Amino acid sequence: LQLLLLGSFWLLATPPAWSIFQRPTGTPAPPRLQYLLEPLHPTVHTQRGATATLPCVLRALPRNYRVKWSKVEPANYGENVIIITNGLYHKNYGPLSPRVRLRHGHRYDASLTITHVALEDEGRYRCQLVNGLEDESVSLTLHLEGVVFPYQPSNGRYKFNYHEAKRACEQQDSRLATYQQLYKAWTEGLDWCNAGWILDGTVHYPIINSREPCGGRLLLPGVRSYGARDKQKDRFDAFCFTSALQGSEVYFIRGHLNFKEAGQACRNHGAALAKVGQLYSAWKFSQLDRCDGGWLEDGSVRYPINTPRQRCGGLPDPGVRSFGFPSKEMRSYGTYCFVGQ
């Protein structure tokens, strides 16, 4: 397979100074908004479980208008309608329906409020004014600060088709990462030699340190791509994305427990075995740092390191280390438990 280098520190270039300040000759100016105000901040940052509002405000109220909110879905190259209003009445659509409403701070306000923000809510949204021949729209991005991690099952690498990879991430309190999330993780140090599915059905792997088993030493670092693959037949690992959840906690119980005993130890404390995504979230956002291997809900044994040290694996970078999937009868590990809201 021909590898395409999609990103590299050495290939990132600054545009010439003139292009920052003036539009090249012959390039049409973007259409001026007549009714909608440009948002001051096109990206809204939020946390999982929080309430977020995407601003959409009208400067004037045209006759017989409608405002339509939709979410751009990269996985199917379409848009899903969320809510439509004519200023007096509105109707909700789709799976977001129970958690969305219009803010209606004043009669020009068509901003969208999302409650109990979930992982799948991240992405690009469009507020469209529908007014006959004068339709116009603004785009906004809902951003969750998160962490991307590679995932493979107990029976080894390259076992997932696309749908199985999607389901596996969801089972670990995460979702398939977008390309933007994977690219950002690469810029922050994610270095992984196994290719994995992402949300849009393409397959990639991020490389910081070029090496022979990962395309060779001559290829520059970057997010390398196999492009779009057959979602039913082709098999790879998965790149999952998770985020912090308000009011949750992951903690460690010391002991020499087998898998069944580990689950019971968590239940005795009113908790459950932590999932892989929950451990990564605690490592990233709560700085969980332990040298002790512990059972997780999928039968793997892992431990989170924020301050690398010799006696904790000896690797120079922070991360979640893995012992793989040992026999569930083995009594060598403690357990990581999760308690949520």
Foldseek 3Di string as FASTA:
>chain_A
DDKDFDDFPVPDDDDPPVVVPDPPPPDDDDDDDDWWDADPAQEWEDAAQAKTKHWIFTPDQDPPKKKWKWFQALQVRHIGTAKMDNLPDMDGDDPQPVFWDAPCPDSRTRMIMGGRHAQVPFHKMKIWMGDPPNIDIYMGTYDYDWAKDWDDAQVDWFPAFQVRQQVVLVVQQWGFADPVRVQVNLVVPAADQWWAAGSNQWIWGFHCQADDSRPHNVDGGHIMTPTHDDRPPGTGITITIHEDHPAKDKDWDWFQAFQVVQQVVQVVVVWGFHGPRRQRRCCVPVVQADLFWAAHPSQWTKGWHCCDDCVSPHDHHTDIGTPRRDPSRGRHGITMTMDGD
